[in-house]
Amino acid sequence: MERAVYSPFSKEIDGGLDERKRERYTSLVLRAKEASAYPHQSGYFVRTAGLAKDGTEYIGGNKEYAHSDAFVHGETAVLSGMRDITDSPM
């Protein structure tokens, strides 16, 4: 099952995006599908992607003990990539 947890466009997804923004958002969703989990801790897994101000795309993912942890640490994996941090910041 795939779902968007949060999107800056979620309130206007049907009519508020111009073609360029829609393509960029779709690109991030597709990039997130390439993320891999590390370390293996449970069956909960999140794939994440982020877009830097310079347009660079970053991906990350994680498996965690609980559903809520997976979302937090998956996002942290993306931020670590943006900041070029190789060790887990958690």
PDB file of N, CA and C in Angstrom:
ATOM      1  N   MET A   1       0.837  -1.173   0.000  1.00  0.00           N
ATOM      2  CA  MET A   1       0.000   0.000   0.000  1.00  0.00           C
ATOM      3  C   MET A   1       0.882   1.237   0.000  1.00  0.00           C
ATOM      4  N   GLU A   2       0.613   2.154  -0.864  1.00  0.00           N
ATOM      5  CA  GLU A   2       1.365   3.400  -0.919  1.00  0.00           C
ATOM      6  C   GLU A   2       0.440   4.543  -0.564  1.00  0.00           C
ATOM      7  N   ARG A   3       0.965   5.511   0.162  1.00  0.00           N
ATOM      8  CA  ARG A   3       0.161   6.689   0.483  1.00  0.00           C
ATOM      9  C   ARG A   3       1.077   7.873   0.719  1.00  0.00           C
ATOM     10  N   ALA A   4       0.585   9.046   0.468  1.00  0.00           N
ATOM     11  CA  ALA A   4       1.328  10.266   0.749  1.00  0.00           C
ATOM     12  C   ALA A   4       0.987  10.693   2.164  1.00  0.00           C
ATOM     13  N   VAL A   5       2.005  10.829   3.007  1.00  0.00           N
ATOM     14  CA  VAL A   5       1.772  11.247   4.382  1.00  0.00           C
ATOM     15  C   VAL A   5       1.504  12.737   4.422  1.00  0.00           C
ATOM     16  N   TYR A   6       2.305  13.500   3.708  1.00  0.00           N
ATOM     17  CA  TYR A   6       2.110  14.949   3.665  1.00  0.00           C
ATOM     18  C   TYR A   6       2.584  15.453   2.319  1.00  0.00           C
ATOM     19  N   SER A   7       1.868  16.360   1.785  1.00  0.00           N
ATOM     20  CA  SER A   7       2.260  17.006   0.547  1.00  0.00           C
ATOM     21  C   SER A   7       1.917  18.477   0.643  1.00  0.00           C
ATOM     22  N   PRO A   8       2.834  19.348   0.246  1.00  0.00           N
ATOM     23  CA  PRO A   8       2.491  20.770   0.251  1.00  0.00           C
ATOM     24  C   PRO A   8       1.378  21.078  -0.733  1.00  0.00           C
ATOM     25  N   PHE A   9       1.102  20.141  -1.626  1.00  0.00           N
ATOM     26  CA  PHE A   9       0.075  20.339  -2.634  1.00  0.00           C
ATOM     27  C   PHE A   9      -1.212  19.596  -2.307  1.00  0.00           C
ATOM     28  N   SER A  10      -1.288  18.942  -1.152  1.00  0.00           N
ATOM     29  CA  SER A  10      -2.399  18.040  -0.867  1.00  0.00           C
ATOM     30  C   SER A  10      -3.765  18.714  -0.904  1.00  0.00           C
ATOM     31  N   LYS A  11      -3.847  19.973  -0.556  1.00  0.00           N
ATOM     32  CA  LYS A  11      -5.132  20.664  -0.549  1.00  0.00           C
ATOM     33  C   LYS A  11      -5.546  21.121  -1.942  1.00  0.00           C
ATOM     34  N   GLU A  12      -4.609  21.104  -2.864  1.00  0.00           N
ATOM     35  CA  GLU A  12      -4.910  21.624  -4.194  1.00  0.00           C
ATOM     36  C   GLU A  12      -4.438  20.681  -5.289  1.00  0.00           C
ATOM     37  N   ILE A  13      -4.332  19.421  -4.995  1.00  0.00           N
ATOM     38  CA  ILE A  13      -3.731  18.477  -5.927  1.00  0.00           C
ATOM     39  C   ILE A  13      -4.456  18.407  -7.269  1.00  0.00           C
ATOM     40  N   ASP A  14      -5.756  18.618  -7.279  1.00  0.00           N
ATOM     41  CA  ASP A  14      -6.484  18.488  -8.537  1.00  0.00           C
ATOM     42  C   ASP A  14      -6.428  19.727  -9.416  1.00  0.00           C
ATOM     43  N   GLY A  15      -6.335  20.916  -8.826  1.00  0.00           N
ATOM     44  CA  GLY A  15      -6.432  22.094  -9.659  1.00  0.00           C
ATOM     45  C   GLY A  15      -5.361  23.138  -9.448  1.00  0.00           C
ATOM     46  N   GLY A  16      -4.573  23.064  -8.383  1.00  0.00           N
ATOM     47  CA  GLY A  16      -3.662  24.139  -8.055  1.00  0.00           C
ATOM     48  C   GLY A  16      -2.262  24.014  -8.603  1.00  0.00           C
ATOM     49  N   LEU A  17      -1.925  22.905  -9.222  1.00  0.00           N
ATOM     50  CA  LEU A  17      -0.566  22.718  -9.712  1.00  0.00           C
ATOM     51  C   LEU A  17      -0.480  23.020 -11.198  1.00  0.00           C
ATOM     52  N   ASP A  18       0.520  23.824 -11.562  1.00  0.00           N
ATOM     53  CA  ASP A  18       0.761  23.981 -12.986  1.00  0.00           C
ATOM     54  C   ASP A  18       1.533  22.742 -13.464  1.00  0.00           C
ATOM     55  N   GLU A  19       1.718  22.605 -14.743  1.00  0.00           N
ATOM     56  CA  GLU A  19       2.328  21.397 -15.301  1.00  0.00           C
ATOM     57  C   GLU A  19       3.744  21.176 -14.776  1.00  0.00           C
ATOM     58  N   ARG A  20       4.536  22.232 -14.654  1.00  0.00           N
ATOM     59  CA  ARG A  20       5.908  22.115 -14.167  1.00  0.00           C
ATOM     60  C   ARG A  20       5.948  21.583 -12.740  1.00  0.00           C
ATOM     61  N   LYS A  21       5.097  22.144 -11.866  1.00  0.00           N
ATOM     62  CA  LYS A  21       5.069  21.691 -10.472  1.00  0.00           C
ATOM     63  C   LYS A  21       4.559  20.255 -10.368  1.00  0.00           C
ATOM     64  N   ARG A  22       3.585  19.921 -11.171  1.00  0.00           N
ATOM     65  CA  ARG A  22       3.054  18.554 -11.159  1.00  0.00           C
ATOM     66  C   ARG A  22       4.141  17.559 -11.586  1.00  0.00           C
ATOM     67  N   GLU A  23       4.907  17.889 -12.612  1.00  0.00           N
ATOM     68  CA  GLU A  23       5.993  17.018 -13.064  1.00  0.00           C
ATOM     69  C   GLU A  23       7.061  16.870 -11.989  1.00  0.00           C
ATOM     70  N   ARG A  24       7.383  17.966 -11.295  1.00  0.00           N
ATOM     71  CA  ARG A  24       8.411  17.930 -10.246  1.00  0.00           C
ATOM     72  C   ARG A  24       7.961  17.066  -9.075  1.00  0.00           C
ATOM     73  N   TYR A  25       6.710  17.239  -8.679  1.00  0.00           N
ATOM     74  CA  TYR A  25       6.162  16.462  -7.575  1.00  0.00           C
ATOM     75  C   TYR A  25       6.113  14.977  -7.943  1.00  0.00           C
ATOM     76  N   THR A  26       5.673  14.677  -9.152  1.00  0.00           N
ATOM     77  CA  THR A  26       5.612  13.292  -9.618  1.00  0.00           C
ATOM     78  C   THR A  26       7.004  12.686  -9.664  1.00  0.00           C
ATOM     79  N   SER A  27       7.983  13.469 -10.092  1.00  0.00           N
ATOM     80  CA  SER A  27       9.362  13.006 -10.138  1.00  0.00           C
ATOM     81  C   SER A  27       9.855  12.598  -8.751  1.00  0.00           C
ATOM     82  N   LEU A  28       9.520  13.392  -7.731  1.00  0.00           N
ATOM     83  CA  LEU A  28       9.933  13.058  -6.364  1.00  0.00           C
ATOM     84  C   LEU A  28       9.287  11.769  -5.882  1.00  0.00           C
ATOM     85  N   VAL A  29       8.019  11.598  -6.182  1.00  0.00           N
ATOM     86  CA  VAL A  29       7.327  10.374  -5.770  1.00  0.00           C
ATOM     87  C   VAL A  29       7.980   9.154  -6.425  1.00  0.00           C
ATOM     88  N   LEU A  30       8.302   9.259  -7.710  1.00  0.00           N
ATOM     89  CA  LEU A  30       8.938   8.149  -8.407  1.00  0.00           C
ATOM     90  C   LEU A  30      10.341   7.893  -7.874  1.00  0.00           C
ATOM     91  N   ARG A  31      11.083   8.933  -7.536  1.00  0.00           N
ATOM     92  CA  ARG A  31      12.427   8.770  -6.965  1.00  0.00           C
ATOM     93  C   ARG A  31      12.363   8.072  -5.618  1.00  0.00           C
ATOM     94  N   ALA A  32      11.342   8.374  -4.820  1.00  0.00           N
ATOM     95  CA  ALA A  32      11.207   7.748  -3.506  1.00  0.00           C
ATOM     96  C   ALA A  32      11.063   6.234  -3.626  1.00  0.00           C
ATOM     97  N   LYS A  33      10.523   5.770  -4.732  1.00  0.00           N
ATOM     98  CA  LYS A  33      10.369   4.331  -4.925  1.00  0.00           C
ATOM     99  C   LYS A  33      11.716   3.633  -5.071  1.00  0.00           C
ATOM    100  N   GLU A  34      12.796   4.388  -5.343  1.00  0.00           N
ATOM    101  CA  GLU A  34      14.132   3.815  -5.482  1.00  0.00           C
ATOM    102  C   GLU A  34      14.847   3.677  -4.143  1.00  0.00           C
ATOM    103  N   ALA A  35      14.306   4.277  -3.095  1.00  0.00           N
ATOM    104  CA  ALA A  35      14.965   4.266  -1.791  1.00  0.00           C
ATOM    105  C   ALA A  35      15.034   2.850  -1.234  1.00  0.00           C
ATOM    106  N   SER A  36      16.095   2.582  -0.494  1.00  0.00           N
ATOM    107  CA  SER A  36      16.223   1.273   0.148  1.00  0.00           C
ATOM    108  C   SER A  36      16.276   1.445   1.661  1.00  0.00           C
ATOM    109  N   ALA A  37      15.889   0.415   2.363  1.00  0.00           N
ATOM    110  CA  ALA A  37      15.815   0.493   3.821  1.00  0.00           C
ATOM    111  C   ALA A  37      17.134   0.088   4.456  1.00  0.00           C
ATOM    112  N   TYR A  38      17.478   0.734   5.554  1.00  0.00           N
ATOM    113  CA  TYR A  38      18.651   0.374   6.348  1.00  0.00           C
ATOM    114  C   TYR A  38      18.484   0.959   7.726  1.00  0.00           C
ATOM    115  N   PRO A  39      18.882   0.342   8.789  1.00  0.00           N
ATOM    116  CA  PRO A  39      19.107  -1.109   8.852  1.00  0.00           C
ATOM    117  C   PRO A  39      17.779  -1.833   8.926  1.00  0.00           C
ATOM    118  N   HIS A  40      17.788  -3.138   8.717  1.00  0.00           N
ATOM    119  CA  HIS A  40      16.538  -3.890   8.810  1.00  0.00           C
ATOM    120  C   HIS A  40      16.184  -4.052  10.286  1.00  0.00           C
ATOM    121  N   GLN A  41      15.049  -3.512  10.704  1.00  0.00           N
ATOM    122  CA  GLN A  41      14.646  -3.613  12.104  1.00  0.00           C
ATOM    123  C   GLN A  41      13.255  -4.199  12.273  1.00  0.00           C
ATOM    124  N   SER A  42      12.388  -4.042  11.325  1.00  0.00           N
ATOM    125  CA  SER A  42      11.028  -4.555  11.463  1.00  0.00           C
ATOM    126  C   SER A  42      10.362  -4.598  10.098  1.00  0.00           C
ATOM    127  N   GLY A  43       9.082  -4.833  10.087  1.00  0.00           N
ATOM    128  CA  GLY A  43       8.345  -4.857   8.838  1.00  0.00           C
ATOM    129  C   GLY A  43       7.878  -3.487   8.384  1.00  0.00           C
ATOM    130  N   TYR A  44       8.047  -2.454   9.208  1.00  0.00           N
ATOM    131  CA  TYR A  44       7.613  -1.110   8.830  1.00  0.00           C
ATOM    132  C   TYR A  44       8.682  -0.460   7.970  1.00  0.00           C
ATOM    133  N   PHE A  45       8.284   0.061   6.840  1.00  0.00           N
ATOM    134  CA  PHE A  45       9.258   0.633   5.915  1.00  0.00           C
ATOM    135  C   PHE A  45       8.674   1.864   5.262  1.00  0.00           C
ATOM    136  N   VAL A  46       9.488   2.878   5.136  1.00  0.00           N
ATOM    137  CA  VAL A  46       9.062   4.092   4.451  1.00  0.00           C
ATOM    138  C   VAL A  46      10.100   4.451   3.397  1.00  0.00           C
ATOM    139  N   ARG A  47       9.625   4.882   2.248  1.00  0.00           N
ATOM    140  CA  ARG A  47      10.498   5.398   1.191  1.00  0.00           C
ATOM    141  C   ARG A  47      10.263   6.900   1.136  1.00  0.00           C
ATOM    142  N   THR A  48      11.334   7.658   1.081  1.00  0.00           N
ATOM    143  CA  THR A  48      11.199   9.109   1.107  1.00  0.00           C
ATOM    144  C   THR A  48      12.044   9.753   0.023  1.00  0.00           C
ATOM    145  N   ALA A  49      11.664  10.958  -0.366  1.00  0.00           N
ATOM    146  CA  ALA A  49      12.438  11.752  -1.317  1.00  0.00           C
ATOM    147  C   ALA A  49      12.302  13.209  -0.922  1.00  0.00           C
ATOM    148  N   GLY A  50      13.343  13.969  -1.184  1.00  0.00           N
ATOM    149  CA  GLY A  50      13.315  15.390  -0.877  1.00  0.00           C
ATOM    150  C   GLY A  50      13.928  16.191  -2.008  1.00  0.00           C
ATOM    151  N   LEU A  51      13.535  17.434  -2.102  1.00  0.00           N
ATOM    152  CA  LEU A  51      14.018  18.329  -3.149  1.00  0.00           C
ATOM    153  C   LEU A  51      14.726  19.508  -2.500  1.00  0.00           C
ATOM    154  N   ALA A  52      16.014  19.684  -2.820  1.00  0.00           N
ATOM    155  CA  ALA A  52      16.782  20.804  -2.286  1.00  0.00           C
ATOM    156  C   ALA A  52      16.471  22.074  -3.074  1.00  0.00           C
ATOM    157  N   LYS A  53      16.825  23.211  -2.497  1.00  0.00           N
ATOM    158  CA  LYS A  53      16.564  24.491  -3.159  1.00  0.00           C
ATOM    159  C   LYS A  53      17.255  24.591  -4.510  1.00  0.00           C
ATOM    160  N   ASP A  54      18.413  23.912  -4.654  1.00  0.00           N
ATOM    161  CA  ASP A  54      19.129  23.973  -5.931  1.00  0.00           C
ATOM    162  C   ASP A  54      18.575  22.988  -6.965  1.00  0.00           C
ATOM    163  N   GLY A  55      17.518  22.234  -6.586  1.00  0.00           N
ATOM    164  CA  GLY A  55      16.889  21.307  -7.513  1.00  0.00           C
ATOM    165  C   GLY A  55      17.383  19.879  -7.418  1.00  0.00           C
ATOM    166  N   THR A  56      18.380  19.621  -6.568  1.00  0.00           N
ATOM    167  CA  THR A  56      18.888  18.270  -6.395  1.00  0.00           C
ATOM    168  C   THR A  56      17.862  17.415  -5.663  1.00  0.00           C
ATOM    169  N   GLU A  57      17.663  16.181  -6.144  1.00  0.00           N
ATOM    170  CA  GLU A  57      16.738  15.255  -5.502  1.00  0.00           C
ATOM    171  C   GLU A  57      17.525  14.282  -4.629  1.00  0.00           C
ATOM    172  N   TYR A  58      16.997  13.975  -3.453  1.00  0.00           N
ATOM    173  CA  TYR A  58      17.612  13.039  -2.523  1.00  0.00           C
ATOM    174  C   TYR A  58      16.594  11.977  -2.156  1.00  0.00           C
ATOM    175  N   ILE A  59      17.076  10.741  -1.956  1.00  0.00           N
ATOM    176  CA  ILE A  59      16.185   9.677  -1.538  1.00  0.00           C
ATOM    177  C   ILE A  59      16.689   9.057  -0.246  1.00  0.00           C
ATOM    178  N   GLY A  60      15.790   8.440   0.496  1.00  0.00           N
ATOM    179  CA  GLY A  60      16.149   7.761   1.732  1.00  0.00           C
ATOM    180  C   GLY A  60      15.040   6.813   2.128  1.00  0.00           C
ATOM    181  N   GLY A  61      15.350   5.948   3.071  1.00  0.00           N
ATOM    182  CA  GLY A  61      14.333   5.024   3.544  1.00  0.00           C
ATOM    183  C   GLY A  61      14.821   4.329   4.790  1.00  0.00           C
ATOM    184  N   ASN A  62      13.913   3.698   5.501  1.00  0.00           N
ATOM    185  CA  ASN A  62      14.295   2.994   6.716  1.00  0.00           C
ATOM    186  C   ASN A  62      13.223   2.009   7.119  1.00  0.00           C
ATOM    187  N   LYS A  63      13.637   0.998   7.849  1.00  0.00           N
ATOM    188  CA  LYS A  63      12.707   0.084   8.516  1.00  0.00           C
ATOM    189  C   LYS A  63      12.833   0.351  10.002  1.00  0.00           C
ATOM    190  N   GLU A  64      11.736   0.351  10.705  1.00  0.00           N
ATOM    191  CA  GLU A  64      11.758   0.707  12.120  1.00  0.00           C
ATOM    192  C   GLU A  64      10.887  -0.211  12.956  1.00  0.00           C
ATOM    193  N   TYR A  65      10.929   0.014  14.259  1.00  0.00           N
ATOM    194  CA  TYR A  65      10.157  -0.787  15.209  1.00  0.00           C
ATOM    195  C   TYR A  65       8.674  -0.459  15.167  1.00  0.00           C
ATOM    196  N   ALA A  66       8.345   0.775  14.917  1.00  0.00           N
ATOM    197  CA  ALA A  66       6.948   1.206  14.944  1.00  0.00           C
ATOM    198  C   ALA A  66       6.643   2.054  13.717  1.00  0.00           C
ATOM    199  N   HIS A  67       5.386   2.098  13.347  1.00  0.00           N
ATOM    200  CA  HIS A  67       4.946   2.833  12.164  1.00  0.00           C
ATOM    201  C   HIS A  67       5.379   4.289  12.216  1.00  0.00           C
ATOM    202  N   SER A  68       5.198   4.951  13.357  1.00  0.00           N
ATOM    203  CA  SER A  68       5.546   6.373  13.458  1.00  0.00           C
ATOM    204  C   SER A  68       7.047   6.594  13.357  1.00  0.00           C
ATOM    205  N   ASP A  69       7.856   5.683  13.901  1.00  0.00           N
ATOM    206  CA  ASP A  69       9.311   5.804  13.801  1.00  0.00           C
ATOM    207  C   ASP A  69       9.773   5.750  12.354  1.00  0.00           C
ATOM    208  N   ALA A  70       9.132   4.921  11.562  1.00  0.00           N
ATOM    209  CA  ALA A  70       9.541   4.764  10.163  1.00  0.00           C
ATOM    210  C   ALA A  70       9.424   6.074   9.405  1.00  0.00           C
ATOM    211  N   PHE A  71       8.348   6.812   9.635  1.00  0.00           N
ATOM    212  CA  PHE A  71       8.181   8.087   8.941  1.00  0.00           C
ATOM    213  C   PHE A  71       9.245   9.085   9.380  1.00  0.00           C
ATOM    214  N   VAL A  72       9.481   9.186  10.681  1.00  0.00           N
ATOM    215  CA  VAL A  72      10.470  10.143  11.190  1.00  0.00           C
ATOM    216  C   VAL A  72      11.856   9.801  10.675  1.00  0.00           C
ATOM    217  N   HIS A  73      12.266   8.545  10.779  1.00  0.00           N
ATOM    218  CA  HIS A  73      13.619   8.180  10.387  1.00  0.00           C
ATOM    219  C   HIS A  73      13.796   8.140   8.873  1.00  0.00           C
ATOM    220  N   GLY A  74      12.749   7.869   8.133  1.00  0.00           N
ATOM    221  CA  GLY A  74      12.847   7.937   6.679  1.00  0.00           C
ATOM    222  C   GLY A  74      13.109   9.355   6.217  1.00  0.00           C
ATOM    223  N   GLU A  75      12.412  10.310   6.832  1.00  0.00           N
ATOM    224  CA  GLU A  75      12.651  11.717   6.506  1.00  0.00           C
ATOM    225  C   GLU A  75      14.049  12.128   6.933  1.00  0.00           C
ATOM    226  N   THR A  76      14.514  11.616   8.073  1.00  0.00           N
ATOM    227  CA  THR A  76      15.860  11.924   8.550  1.00  0.00           C
ATOM    228  C   THR A  76      16.906  11.414   7.568  1.00  0.00           C
ATOM    229  N   ALA A  77      16.652  10.268   6.948  1.00  0.00           N
ATOM    230  CA  ALA A  77      17.591   9.730   5.965  1.00  0.00           C
ATOM    231  C   ALA A  77      17.744  10.679   4.786  1.00  0.00           C
ATOM    232  N   VAL A  78      16.650  11.282   4.348  1.00  0.00           N
ATOM    233  CA  VAL A  78      16.714  12.252   3.251  1.00  0.00           C
ATOM    234  C   VAL A  78      17.501  13.481   3.682  1.00  0.00           C
ATOM    235  N   LEU A  79      17.205  14.004   4.861  1.00  0.00           N
ATOM    236  CA  LEU A  79      17.913  15.192   5.351  1.00  0.00           C
ATOM    237  C   LEU A  79      19.396  14.911   5.534  1.00  0.00           C
ATOM    238  N   SER A  80      19.746  13.714   6.001  1.00  0.00           N
ATOM    239  CA  SER A  80      21.154  13.346   6.139  1.00  0.00           C
ATOM    240  C   SER A  80      21.850  13.375   4.787  1.00  0.00           C
ATOM    241  N   GLY A  81      21.167  12.890   3.757  1.00  0.00           N
ATOM    242  CA  GLY A  81      21.742  12.930   2.417  1.00  0.00           C
ATOM    243  C   GLY A  81      21.941  14.348   1.934  1.00  0.00           C
ATOM    244  N   MET A  82      20.983  15.217   2.220  1.00  0.00           N
ATOM    245  CA  MET A  82      21.098  16.619   1.815  1.00  0.00           C
ATOM    246  C   MET A  82      22.275  17.303   2.503  1.00  0.00           C
ATOM    247  N   ARG A  83      22.512  16.913   3.751  1.00  0.00           N
ATOM    248  CA  ARG A  83      23.596  17.543   4.513  1.00  0.00           C
ATOM    249  C   ARG A  83      24.894  16.763   4.394  1.00  0.00           C
ATOM    250  N   ASP A  84      24.901  15.711   3.570  1.00  0.00           N
ATOM    251  CA  ASP A  84      26.072  14.862   3.358  1.00  0.00           C
ATOM    252  C   ASP A  84      26.560  14.239   4.660  1.00  0.00           C
ATOM    253  N   ILE A  85      25.626  13.740   5.445  1.00  0.00           N
ATOM    254  CA  ILE A  85      25.951  13.053   6.692  1.00  0.00           C
ATOM    255  C   ILE A  85      25.849  11.559   6.424  1.00  0.00           C
ATOM    256  N   THR A  86      26.933  10.826   6.646  1.00  0.00           N
ATOM    257  CA  THR A  86      26.902   9.396   6.373  1.00  0.00           C
ATOM    258  C   THR A  86      26.432   8.587   7.574  1.00  0.00           C
ATOM    259  N   ASP A  87      26.647   9.072   8.792  1.00  0.00           N
ATOM    260  CA  ASP A  87      26.186   8.375   9.987  1.00  0.00           C
ATOM    261  C   ASP A  87      24.784   8.834  10.333  1.00  0.00           C
ATOM    262  N   SER A  88      24.037   7.965  10.976  1.00  0.00           N
ATOM    263  CA  SER A  88      22.678   8.312  11.382  1.00  0.00           C
ATOM    264  C   SER A  88      22.703   9.431  12.408  1.00  0.00           C
ATOM    265  N   PRO A  89      21.905  10.474  12.213  1.00  0.00           N
ATOM    266  CA  PRO A  89      21.862  11.572  13.180  1.00  0.00           C
ATOM    267  C   PRO A  89      20.997  11.253  14.392  1.00  0.00           C
ATOM    268  N   MET A  90      20.327  10.090  14.391  1.00  0.00           N
ATOM    269  CA  MET A  90      19.425   9.761  15.493  1.00  0.00           C
ATOM    270  C   MET A  90      20.187   9.224  16.683  1.00  0.00           C
TER     271      MET A  90
END
